[in-house]
Amino acid sequence: MRGGCICGAVRFEAEPRRREAHACHCATCRRWTGSAFVGVSVLPEDIRFEGAESIRTYRSSEWAERGWCGRCGTTLYYHLTAEGFGPRTYEIALGLFDAPDGFPLTSEIYIDRKPDGFAFAGEHRRRTKAEVEAGFGAEGAT
């Protein structure tokens, strides 16, 4: 599957092993995207970036970084970088895929932090801030 940023400086080819999307409502994701971050998990060995020199990153916690296009500002990914927090996946923004269909929303996290003006439809797993952070074993794991 291919995708990329608004200006085309960053393109990627990825093969997600699971065809599902996840949404995060934490304060950092809301500020980063202006809404919920909706992403698709991709293992590092299953993604190849073109135009990587245009990618800028910000270490948003001790265990993760966020990436965006340095030319147009498009949100690209949330990337787990530390040991002990699960696979070091890239959570690629769903809207970046050239063909984003076929990725049903299967989970939402920080559900108790989402703005009250919207809700995603359908039956899927929903976890609160406390539930997510208990799973990470860390306070403020965003």
N, C-alpha and C. Protein backbone atom coordinates (compact mmCIF):
# COMPACT_ATOMS: atom_id res chain seq x y z
N MET A 1 0.86 -1.17 0.00
CA MET A 1 0.00 0.00 0.00
C MET A 1 0.90 1.23 0.00
N ARG A 2 0.48 2.21 -0.75
CA ARG A 2 1.27 3.44 -0.86
C ARG A 2 0.51 4.60 -0.25
N GLY A 3 1.27 5.63 0.10
CA GLY A 3 0.67 6.84 0.63
C GLY A 3 1.71 7.92 0.74
N GLY A 4 1.30 9.07 1.26
CA GLY A 4 2.24 10.16 1.42
C GLY A 4 1.60 11.42 1.96
N CYS A 5 2.44 12.44 2.09
CA CYS A 5 2.02 13.72 2.65
C CYS A 5 1.31 14.57 1.59
N ILE A 6 0.86 15.74 1.98
CA ILE A 6 0.13 16.64 1.08
C ILE A 6 0.99 17.08 -0.10
N CYS A 7 2.23 17.48 0.15
CA CYS A 7 3.07 18.03 -0.91
C CYS A 7 3.80 16.97 -1.72
N GLY A 8 3.83 15.72 -1.23
CA GLY A 8 4.49 14.64 -1.95
C GLY A 8 5.96 14.48 -1.64
N ALA A 9 6.52 15.30 -0.76
CA ALA A 9 7.94 15.18 -0.41
C ALA A 9 8.23 13.87 0.31
N VAL A 10 7.26 13.37 1.08
CA VAL A 10 7.41 12.10 1.79
C VAL A 10 6.35 11.14 1.23
N ARG A 11 6.83 10.01 0.76
CA ARG A 11 5.96 8.93 0.29
C ARG A 11 6.39 7.67 1.04
N PHE A 12 5.50 6.71 1.11
CA PHE A 12 5.85 5.45 1.76
C PHE A 12 5.16 4.30 1.06
N GLU A 13 5.73 3.14 1.27
CA GLU A 13 5.13 1.89 0.87
C GLU A 13 5.08 1.03 2.13
N ALA A 14 3.90 0.54 2.47
CA ALA A 14 3.73 -0.21 3.72
C ALA A 14 2.83 -1.41 3.50
N GLU A 15 3.05 -2.41 4.34
CA GLU A 15 2.18 -3.58 4.33
C GLU A 15 1.73 -3.87 5.75
N PRO A 16 0.62 -3.23 6.18
CA PRO A 16 0.11 -3.52 7.53
C PRO A 16 -0.28 -4.99 7.65
N ARG A 17 0.11 -5.60 8.73
CA ARG A 17 -0.21 -7.02 8.92
C ARG A 17 -1.66 -7.22 9.35
N ARG A 18 -2.26 -6.17 9.91
CA ARG A 18 -3.67 -6.22 10.32
C ARG A 18 -4.38 -5.05 9.66
N ARG A 19 -5.51 -5.34 9.06
CA ARG A 19 -6.30 -4.31 8.39
C ARG A 19 -7.28 -3.73 9.41
N GLU A 20 -6.77 -2.84 10.26
CA GLU A 20 -7.59 -2.20 11.27
C GLU A 20 -7.01 -0.85 11.63
N ALA A 21 -7.87 0.04 12.09
CA ALA A 21 -7.45 1.38 12.50
C ALA A 21 -7.72 1.55 13.99
N HIS A 22 -6.93 2.45 14.60
CA HIS A 22 -7.04 2.74 16.03
C HIS A 22 -7.09 4.25 16.20
N ALA A 23 -7.87 4.72 17.17
CA ALA A 23 -7.98 6.15 17.43
C ALA A 23 -7.48 6.46 18.83
N CYS A 24 -6.77 7.59 18.95
CA CYS A 24 -6.30 8.05 20.25
C CYS A 24 -6.82 9.46 20.51
N HIS A 25 -7.38 9.66 21.70
CA HIS A 25 -7.94 10.95 22.10
C HIS A 25 -7.10 11.64 23.17
N CYS A 26 -5.85 11.21 23.38
CA CYS A 26 -5.04 11.85 24.42
C CYS A 26 -4.79 13.31 24.05
N ALA A 27 -4.42 14.10 25.03
CA ALA A 27 -4.21 15.54 24.81
C ALA A 27 -3.11 15.79 23.78
N THR A 28 -2.07 14.99 23.78
CA THR A 28 -0.98 15.20 22.83
C THR A 28 -1.45 14.93 21.41
N CYS A 29 -2.16 13.84 21.18
CA CYS A 29 -2.68 13.56 19.84
C CYS A 29 -3.68 14.62 19.39
N ARG A 30 -4.53 15.07 20.30
CA ARG A 30 -5.50 16.12 19.93
C ARG A 30 -4.78 17.40 19.50
N ARG A 31 -3.75 17.79 20.21
CA ARG A 31 -3.01 19.00 19.85
C ARG A 31 -2.22 18.80 18.56
N TRP A 32 -1.70 17.60 18.37
CA TRP A 32 -0.88 17.29 17.19
C TRP A 32 -1.70 17.26 15.91
N THR A 33 -2.93 16.73 15.99
CA THR A 33 -3.75 16.57 14.78
C THR A 33 -4.91 17.54 14.71
N GLY A 34 -5.28 18.15 15.83
CA GLY A 34 -6.47 18.99 15.87
C GLY A 34 -7.73 18.20 16.13
N SER A 35 -7.60 16.90 16.31
CA SER A 35 -8.72 16.00 16.54
C SER A 35 -8.14 14.72 17.16
N ALA A 36 -8.80 13.62 16.94
CA ALA A 36 -8.23 12.34 17.35
C ALA A 36 -7.20 11.91 16.31
N PHE A 37 -6.17 11.20 16.75
CA PHE A 37 -5.24 10.60 15.80
C PHE A 37 -5.77 9.23 15.45
N VAL A 38 -6.00 8.98 14.17
CA VAL A 38 -6.48 7.68 13.69
C VAL A 38 -5.35 7.08 12.86
N GLY A 39 -4.84 5.94 13.33
CA GLY A 39 -3.68 5.36 12.68
C GLY A 39 -3.80 3.87 12.43
N VAL A 40 -2.87 3.38 11.62
CA VAL A 40 -2.75 1.97 11.26
C VAL A 40 -1.37 1.51 11.71
N SER A 41 -1.29 0.41 12.43
CA SER A 41 -0.01 -0.12 12.93
C SER A 41 0.76 -0.81 11.82
N VAL A 42 2.04 -0.42 11.70
CA VAL A 42 2.93 -1.04 10.72
C VAL A 42 4.26 -1.30 11.41
N LEU A 43 4.76 -2.52 11.30
CA LEU A 43 6.06 -2.85 11.87
C LEU A 43 7.17 -2.18 11.06
N PRO A 44 8.29 -1.84 11.70
CA PRO A 44 9.38 -1.16 10.99
C PRO A 44 9.84 -1.88 9.72
N GLU A 45 9.88 -3.21 9.77
CA GLU A 45 10.33 -3.96 8.60
C GLU A 45 9.30 -3.99 7.47
N ASP A 46 8.10 -3.49 7.74
CA ASP A 46 7.03 -3.51 6.74
C ASP A 46 6.73 -2.13 6.16
N ILE A 47 7.63 -1.17 6.36
CA ILE A 47 7.43 0.16 5.80
C ILE A 47 8.74 0.69 5.22
N ARG A 48 8.63 1.38 4.10
CA ARG A 48 9.78 2.00 3.47
C ARG A 48 9.39 3.43 3.10
N PHE A 49 10.16 4.39 3.59
CA PHE A 49 9.90 5.80 3.32
C PHE A 49 10.75 6.29 2.16
N GLU A 50 10.16 7.08 1.29
CA GLU A 50 10.87 7.81 0.24
C GLU A 50 10.82 9.28 0.66
N GLY A 51 11.91 10.00 0.49
CA GLY A 51 11.94 11.39 0.93
C GLY A 51 12.14 11.53 2.42
N ALA A 52 12.80 10.55 3.03
CA ALA A 52 13.01 10.56 4.48
C ALA A 52 13.74 11.81 4.95
N GLU A 53 14.51 12.44 4.07
CA GLU A 53 15.22 13.67 4.47
C GLU A 53 14.25 14.81 4.79
N SER A 54 13.00 14.69 4.36
CA SER A 54 11.99 15.71 4.67
C SER A 54 11.23 15.43 5.96
N ILE A 55 11.44 14.26 6.54
CA ILE A 55 10.74 13.91 7.78
C ILE A 55 11.41 14.60 8.96
N ARG A 56 10.58 15.24 9.77
CA ARG A 56 11.02 15.85 11.03
C ARG A 56 10.36 15.06 12.15
N THR A 57 11.07 14.97 13.28
CA THR A 57 10.52 14.21 14.41
C THR A 57 10.59 15.03 15.69
N TYR A 58 9.74 14.65 16.60
CA TYR A 58 9.71 15.24 17.94
C TYR A 58 9.54 14.10 18.93
N ARG A 59 10.41 14.01 19.89
CA ARG A 59 10.31 12.99 20.94
C ARG A 59 9.26 13.46 21.94
N SER A 60 8.07 12.90 21.85
CA SER A 60 6.95 13.37 22.67
C SER A 60 6.86 12.68 24.02
N SER A 61 7.67 11.66 24.24
CA SER A 61 7.75 10.97 25.54
C SER A 61 9.05 10.20 25.58
N GLU A 62 9.28 9.52 26.68
CA GLU A 62 10.49 8.70 26.81
C GLU A 62 10.46 7.49 25.90
N TRP A 63 9.30 7.14 25.37
CA TRP A 63 9.14 5.90 24.61
C TRP A 63 8.67 6.09 23.18
N ALA A 64 8.45 7.33 22.76
CA ALA A 64 7.90 7.50 21.41
C ALA A 64 8.29 8.84 20.80
N GLU A 65 8.23 8.86 19.47
CA GLU A 65 8.43 10.10 18.73
C GLU A 65 7.28 10.25 17.74
N ARG A 66 7.09 11.47 17.28
CA ARG A 66 6.07 11.76 16.28
C ARG A 66 6.78 12.34 15.07
N GLY A 67 6.30 11.98 13.89
CA GLY A 67 6.92 12.44 12.67
C GLY A 67 5.94 13.22 11.80
N TRP A 68 6.49 14.20 11.07
CA TRP A 68 5.69 14.99 10.15
C TRP A 68 6.57 15.42 8.98
N CYS A 69 5.95 15.88 7.92
CA CYS A 69 6.68 16.38 6.77
C CYS A 69 7.20 17.78 7.08
N GLY A 70 8.50 17.98 6.93
CA GLY A 70 9.10 19.28 7.19
C GLY A 70 8.77 20.33 6.16
N ARG A 71 8.25 19.93 5.01
CA ARG A 71 7.88 20.90 3.96
C ARG A 71 6.44 21.39 4.12
N CYS A 72 5.50 20.45 4.28
CA CYS A 72 4.08 20.86 4.31
C CYS A 72 3.42 20.70 5.68
N GLY A 73 4.10 20.03 6.62
CA GLY A 73 3.57 19.89 7.97
C GLY A 73 2.61 18.74 8.18
N THR A 74 2.40 17.91 7.17
CA THR A 74 1.47 16.79 7.30
C THR A 74 1.90 15.85 8.43
N THR A 75 0.96 15.48 9.30
CA THR A 75 1.18 14.47 10.32
C THR A 75 1.46 13.14 9.62
N LEU A 76 2.56 12.48 9.98
CA LEU A 76 2.90 11.21 9.35
C LEU A 76 2.70 10.01 10.26
N TYR A 77 3.33 10.03 11.45
CA TYR A 77 3.27 8.84 12.28
C TYR A 77 3.59 9.13 13.75
N TYR A 78 3.17 8.18 14.57
CA TYR A 78 3.57 8.04 15.97
C TYR A 78 4.41 6.77 15.98
N HIS A 79 5.62 6.83 16.53
CA HIS A 79 6.52 5.69 16.48
C HIS A 79 7.02 5.34 17.88
N LEU A 80 6.73 4.12 18.33
CA LEU A 80 7.27 3.63 19.60
C LEU A 80 8.75 3.35 19.41
N THR A 81 9.58 3.89 20.30
CA THR A 81 11.03 3.77 20.16
C THR A 81 11.70 3.01 21.30
N ALA A 82 11.03 2.84 22.42
CA ALA A 82 11.66 2.25 23.60
C ALA A 82 11.25 0.80 23.79
N GLU A 83 12.11 0.06 24.45
CA GLU A 83 11.81 -1.32 24.84
C GLU A 83 10.74 -1.32 25.92
N GLY A 84 9.95 -2.39 25.96
CA GLY A 84 9.03 -2.60 27.06
C GLY A 84 7.64 -2.00 26.87
N PHE A 85 7.40 -1.34 25.75
CA PHE A 85 6.08 -0.77 25.51
C PHE A 85 5.38 -1.44 24.34
N GLY A 86 5.78 -2.63 24.03
CA GLY A 86 5.20 -3.36 22.92
C GLY A 86 6.07 -3.25 21.69
N PRO A 87 5.60 -3.75 20.55
CA PRO A 87 6.38 -3.68 19.33
C PRO A 87 6.67 -2.23 18.95
N ARG A 88 7.79 -1.99 18.36
CA ARG A 88 8.19 -0.62 17.98
C ARG A 88 7.52 -0.21 16.67
N THR A 89 6.21 -0.25 16.67
CA THR A 89 5.44 0.02 15.46
C THR A 89 5.45 1.49 15.08
N TYR A 90 5.16 1.72 13.83
CA TYR A 90 4.79 3.03 13.34
C TYR A 90 3.28 3.03 13.27
N GLU A 91 2.66 4.03 13.88
CA GLU A 91 1.22 4.21 13.73
C GLU A 91 1.07 5.26 12.63
N ILE A 92 0.79 4.80 11.43
CA ILE A 92 0.71 5.67 10.27
C ILE A 92 -0.69 6.27 10.20
N ALA A 93 -0.76 7.59 10.02
CA ALA A 93 -2.06 8.25 9.93
C ALA A 93 -2.87 7.65 8.78
N LEU A 94 -4.06 7.20 9.06
CA LEU A 94 -4.91 6.51 8.09
C LEU A 94 -5.14 7.35 6.83
N GLY A 95 -5.33 8.64 6.99
CA GLY A 95 -5.62 9.50 5.85
C GLY A 95 -4.48 9.65 4.87
N LEU A 96 -3.28 9.18 5.20
CA LEU A 96 -2.14 9.28 4.30
C LEU A 96 -2.15 8.23 3.20
N PHE A 97 -2.85 7.12 3.44
CA PHE A 97 -2.88 6.04 2.45
C PHE A 97 -3.62 6.50 1.20
N ASP A 98 -3.07 6.16 0.04
CA ASP A 98 -3.74 6.49 -1.21
C ASP A 98 -5.11 5.83 -1.30
N ALA A 99 -5.26 4.65 -0.72
CA ALA A 99 -6.52 3.91 -0.69
C ALA A 99 -6.80 3.53 0.77
N PRO A 100 -7.42 4.45 1.55
CA PRO A 100 -7.58 4.21 2.99
C PRO A 100 -8.78 3.34 3.37
N ASP A 101 -9.51 2.81 2.40
CA ASP A 101 -10.66 1.97 2.72
C ASP A 101 -10.21 0.59 3.20
N GLY A 102 -11.10 -0.09 3.90
CA GLY A 102 -10.83 -1.44 4.34
C GLY A 102 -10.09 -1.53 5.67
N PHE A 103 -10.09 -0.44 6.43
CA PHE A 103 -9.47 -0.42 7.75
C PHE A 103 -10.53 -0.06 8.79
N PRO A 104 -11.32 -1.02 9.25
CA PRO A 104 -12.34 -0.70 10.24
C PRO A 104 -11.72 -0.23 11.55
N LEU A 105 -12.38 0.69 12.21
CA LEU A 105 -11.93 1.16 13.52
C LEU A 105 -12.18 0.05 14.53
N THR A 106 -11.11 -0.43 15.18
CA THR A 106 -11.24 -1.54 16.12
C THR A 106 -10.98 -1.13 17.56
N SER A 107 -10.43 0.08 17.78
CA SER A 107 -10.21 0.51 19.16
C SER A 107 -10.06 2.02 19.26
N GLU A 108 -10.41 2.52 20.43
CA GLU A 108 -10.18 3.92 20.79
C GLU A 108 -9.55 3.92 22.17
N ILE A 109 -8.55 4.78 22.34
CA ILE A 109 -7.94 4.92 23.65
C ILE A 109 -8.07 6.36 24.13
N TYR A 110 -7.95 6.53 25.44
CA TYR A 110 -8.17 7.82 26.11
C TYR A 110 -9.59 8.31 25.81
N ILE A 111 -10.52 7.38 25.80
CA ILE A 111 -11.90 7.69 25.44
C ILE A 111 -12.51 8.72 26.40
N ASP A 112 -12.05 8.72 27.65
CA ASP A 112 -12.56 9.68 28.62
C ASP A 112 -11.95 11.07 28.44
N ARG A 113 -11.07 11.24 27.47
CA ARG A 113 -10.45 12.54 27.19
C ARG A 113 -10.93 13.15 25.88
N LYS A 114 -11.79 12.45 25.15
CA LYS A 114 -12.25 12.97 23.87
C LYS A 114 -13.19 14.15 24.08
N PRO A 115 -13.19 15.10 23.16
CA PRO A 115 -14.16 16.19 23.24
C PRO A 115 -15.58 15.62 23.15
N ASP A 116 -16.51 16.24 23.85
CA ASP A 116 -17.88 15.70 23.87
C ASP A 116 -18.67 15.97 22.59
N GLY A 117 -18.12 16.71 21.66
CA GLY A 117 -18.83 17.05 20.44
C GLY A 117 -18.80 16.02 19.35
N PHE A 118 -18.07 14.94 19.52
CA PHE A 118 -18.07 13.91 18.49
C PHE A 118 -17.88 12.54 19.11
N ALA A 119 -18.26 11.52 18.32
CA ALA A 119 -18.11 10.13 18.74
C ALA A 119 -17.99 9.27 17.49
N PHE A 120 -17.11 8.27 17.55
CA PHE A 120 -16.99 7.33 16.44
C PHE A 120 -18.05 6.25 16.60
N ALA A 121 -18.71 5.92 15.52
CA ALA A 121 -19.78 4.93 15.54
C ALA A 121 -19.22 3.52 15.53
N GLY A 122 -20.08 2.58 15.87
CA GLY A 122 -19.73 1.17 15.77
C GLY A 122 -19.26 0.58 17.09
N GLU A 123 -19.26 -0.75 17.09
CA GLU A 123 -18.82 -1.49 18.26
C GLU A 123 -17.33 -1.79 18.12
N HIS A 124 -16.56 -1.35 19.10
CA HIS A 124 -15.13 -1.63 19.15
C HIS A 124 -14.64 -1.37 20.57
N ARG A 125 -13.44 -1.80 20.84
CA ARG A 125 -12.87 -1.64 22.18
C ARG A 125 -12.62 -0.17 22.47
N ARG A 126 -12.99 0.25 23.68
CA ARG A 126 -12.76 1.62 24.14
C ARG A 126 -12.11 1.56 25.52
N ARG A 127 -10.95 2.24 25.65
CA ARG A 127 -10.23 2.23 26.93
C ARG A 127 -10.01 3.65 27.43
N THR A 128 -10.09 3.82 28.73
CA THR A 128 -9.89 5.12 29.37
C THR A 128 -8.40 5.41 29.53
N LYS A 129 -8.10 6.61 29.96
CA LYS A 129 -6.72 7.02 30.25
C LYS A 129 -6.10 6.07 31.28
N ALA A 130 -6.82 5.81 32.36
CA ALA A 130 -6.30 4.93 33.42
C ALA A 130 -6.03 3.52 32.90
N GLU A 131 -6.92 3.00 32.08
CA GLU A 131 -6.73 1.66 31.54
C GLU A 131 -5.51 1.59 30.61
N VAL A 132 -5.35 2.60 29.78
CA VAL A 132 -4.21 2.63 28.87
C VAL A 132 -2.91 2.74 29.65
N GLU A 133 -2.85 3.65 30.58
CA GLU A 133 -1.62 3.88 31.32
C GLU A 133 -1.27 2.72 32.24
N ALA A 134 -2.27 2.01 32.74
CA ALA A 134 -1.98 0.80 33.52
C ALA A 134 -1.33 -0.25 32.63
N GLY A 135 -1.76 -0.32 31.38
CA GLY A 135 -1.16 -1.26 30.43
C GLY A 135 0.26 -0.90 30.07
N PHE A 136 0.56 0.40 29.98
CA PHE A 136 1.92 0.85 29.70
C PHE A 136 2.80 0.74 30.94
N GLY A 137 2.16 0.77 32.11
CA GLY A 137 2.93 0.75 33.34
C GLY A 137 3.63 2.07 33.60
N ALA A 138 3.09 3.15 33.01
CA ALA A 138 3.71 4.46 33.18
C ALA A 138 2.62 5.53 33.24
N GLU A 139 2.91 6.57 33.93
CA GLU A 139 2.01 7.72 34.03
C GLU A 139 2.20 8.60 32.80
N GLY A 140 1.10 9.01 32.20
CA GLY A 140 1.17 9.94 31.06
C GLY A 140 1.81 9.33 29.82
N ALA A 141 1.46 8.11 29.50
CA ALA A 141 2.09 7.39 28.39
C ALA A 141 1.50 7.79 27.04
N THR A 142 1.72 9.02 26.62
CA THR A 142 1.20 9.47 25.32
C THR A 142 2.29 9.76 24.34
